[in-house]
C-alpha atoms as a PDB file:
ATOM      1  CA  MET A   1       0.010  -0.042   0.031  1.00  0.00           C
ATOM      2  CA  VAL A   2       1.375   3.381  -1.037  1.00  0.00           C
ATOM      3  CA  THR A   3       0.713   6.470   1.183  1.00  0.00           C
ATOM      4  CA  LYS A   4       0.926   9.943  -0.168  1.00  0.00           C
ATOM      5  CA  THR A   5       3.570  11.913   1.766  1.00  0.00           C
ATOM      6  CA  GLN A   6       4.269  15.569   1.700  1.00  0.00           C
ATOM      7  CA  LYS A   7       7.597  17.235   2.275  1.00  0.00           C
ATOM      8  CA  CYS A   8       7.995  19.756   5.138  1.00  0.00           C
ATOM      9  CA  SER A   9       8.549  23.211   3.561  1.00  0.00           C
ATOM     10  CA  TYR A  10      11.190  24.027   6.238  1.00  0.00           C
ATOM     11  CA  THR A  11      12.992  20.761   7.216  1.00  0.00           C
ATOM     12  CA  GLU A  12      12.432  18.756   4.026  1.00  0.00           C
ATOM     13  CA  TYR A  13      11.410  15.737   6.090  1.00  0.00           C
ATOM     14  CA  LYS A  14       8.624  13.421   4.827  1.00  0.00           C
ATOM     15  CA  ILE A  15       5.187  14.025   6.449  1.00  0.00           C
ATOM     16  CA  VAL A  16       2.918  11.002   6.460  1.00  0.00           C
ATOM     17  CA  PRO A  17      -0.870  11.415   6.595  1.00  0.00           C
ATOM     18  CA  GLY A  18      -2.177  12.396  10.013  1.00  0.00           C
ATOM     19  CA  ARG A  19       1.001  14.321  10.976  1.00  0.00           C
ATOM     20  CA  GLY A  20       2.016  17.971  10.584  1.00  0.00           C
ATOM     21  CA  SER A  21       0.036  21.051   9.673  1.00  0.00           C
ATOM     22  CA  ARG A  22      -0.653  23.174   6.597  1.00  0.00           C
ATOM     23  CA  PHE A  23      -0.251  26.840   6.210  1.00  0.00           C
ATOM     24  CA  VAL A  24      -1.694  28.879   3.372  1.00  0.00           C
ATOM     25  CA  GLY A  25      -0.081  32.343   2.946  1.00  0.00           C
ATOM     26  CA  LYS A  26      -1.751  35.496   1.735  1.00  0.00           C
ATOM     27  CA  ASP A  27      -0.268  34.851  -1.796  1.00  0.00           C
ATOM     28  CA  GLY A  28      -1.958  31.495  -1.896  1.00  0.00           C
ATOM     29  CA  ARG A  29       1.139  29.355  -1.523  1.00  0.00           C
ATOM     30  CA  VAL A  30       0.736  26.257   0.642  1.00  0.00           C
ATOM     31  CA  HIS A  31       3.451  25.331   3.100  1.00  0.00           C
ATOM     32  CA  TYR A  32       3.474  22.012   5.035  1.00  0.00           C
ATOM     33  CA  PHE A  33       5.211  21.697   8.390  1.00  0.00           C
ATOM     34  CA  ILE A  34       6.122  18.558  10.276  1.00  0.00           C
ATOM     35  CA  SER A  35       6.111  20.226  13.774  1.00  0.00           C
ATOM     36  CA  THR A  36       5.369  23.490  15.495  1.00  0.00           C
ATOM     37  CA  LYS A  37       9.091  23.959  15.911  1.00  0.00           C
ATOM     38  CA  ALA A  38       9.550  24.035  12.134  1.00  0.00           C
ATOM     39  CA  ARG A  39       6.438  26.274  11.687  1.00  0.00           C
ATOM     40  CA  SER A  40       7.633  28.761  14.346  1.00  0.00           C
ATOM     41  CA  LEU A  41      11.152  29.029  12.826  1.00  0.00           C
ATOM     42  CA  PHE A  42       9.621  29.482   9.359  1.00  0.00           C
ATOM     43  CA  HIS A  43       7.501  32.437  10.533  1.00  0.00           C
ATOM     44  CA  GLN A  44      10.513  33.906  12.415  1.00  0.00           C
ATOM     45  CA  LYS A  45      12.228  33.910   8.914  1.00  0.00           C
ATOM     46  CA  ILE A  46      15.233  31.847  10.256  1.00  0.00           C
ATOM     47  CA  LYS A  47      16.971  30.142   7.353  1.00  0.00           C
ATOM     48  CA  PRO A  48      17.070  26.335   7.526  1.00  0.00           C
ATOM     49  CA  VAL A  49      20.569  26.331   6.270  1.00  0.00           C
ATOM     50  CA  LYS A  50      21.672  27.889   9.503  1.00  0.00           C
ATOM     51  CA  LEU A  51      20.347  25.028  11.699  1.00  0.00           C
ATOM     52  CA  THR A  52      22.385  21.893  11.796  1.00  0.00           C
ATOM     53  CA  TRP A  53      19.420  19.504  12.277  1.00  0.00           C
ATOM     54  CA  THR A  54      17.716  20.388   8.910  1.00  0.00           C
ATOM     55  CA  THR A  55      18.273  18.609   5.666  1.00  0.00           C
ATOM     56  CA  ALA A  56      19.184  21.956   3.988  1.00  0.00           C
ATOM     57  CA  TRP A  57      22.063  22.366   6.348  1.00  0.00           C
ATOM     58  CA  ARG A  58      23.239  18.873   5.698  1.00  0.00           C
ATOM     59  CA  ALA A  59      23.041  19.337   1.900  1.00  0.00           C
ATOM     60  CA  TYR A  60      24.811  22.809   2.056  1.00  0.00           C
ATOM     61  CA  ASN A  61      27.617  21.452   4.111  1.00  0.00           C
ATOM     62  CA  LYS A  62      28.071  18.288   1.973  1.00  0.00           C
ATOM     63  CA  LYS A  63      27.100  15.854   4.736  1.00  0.00           C
ATOM     64  CA  ILE A  64      24.589  14.120   2.410  1.00  0.00           C
ATOM     65  CA  LYS A  65      24.789  13.460  -1.316  1.00  0.00           C
ATOM     66  CA  VAL A  66      22.350  15.547  -3.266  1.00  0.00           C
ATOM     67  CA  ASP A  67      20.888  13.593  -6.232  1.00  0.00           C
ATOM     68  CA  ASP A  68      19.092  16.531  -7.723  1.00  0.00           C
ATOM     69  CA  ILE A  69      22.207  18.481  -8.769  1.00  0.00           C
ATOM     70  CA  GLN A  70      24.253  16.252 -11.074  1.00  0.00           C
ATOM     71  CA  LYS A  71      26.903  17.273 -13.456  1.00  0.00           C
ATOM     72  CA  LYS A  72      25.676  17.370 -17.013  1.00  0.00           C
ATOM     73  CA  ARG A  73      27.498  14.848 -19.089  1.00  0.00           C
ATOM     74  CA  SER A  74      28.821  15.991 -22.463  1.00  0.00           C
ATOM     75  CA  ARG A  75      29.070  13.529 -25.361  1.00  0.00           C
ATOM     76  CA  LYS A  76      32.367  12.851 -26.909  1.00  0.00           C
ATOM     77  CA  THR A  77      32.746  14.240 -30.382  1.00  0.00           C
ATOM     78  CA  THR A  78      32.999  11.652 -33.025  1.00  0.00           C
ATOM     79  CA  ARG A  79      34.942  12.186 -36.257  1.00  0.00           C
ATOM     80  CA  ILE A  80      33.127  11.527 -39.541  1.00  0.00           C
ATOM     81  CA  GLN A  81      35.077  10.590 -42.608  1.00  0.00           C
ATOM     82  CA  LYS A  82      34.265  12.678 -45.610  1.00  0.00           C
ATOM     83  CA  ALA A  83      34.558  11.303 -49.132  1.00  0.00           C
END
């Protein structure tokens, strides 16, 4: 059985159904939070990169491998013989 999970807008942790809270801003953007701690820090405008326990900090300081950003592979040029 597959359950639909959301990602916390602040910590980037997975939120399973029945957990966390949702915040809709004045501009209509929806933010999901795993805990009140994450929600409070988001509203205080504290950057998640500054906090060591967040996934953003771990990615920024190269503690985890980020799969999203991969080096673009270039193809080797092949020589074509002309007549």
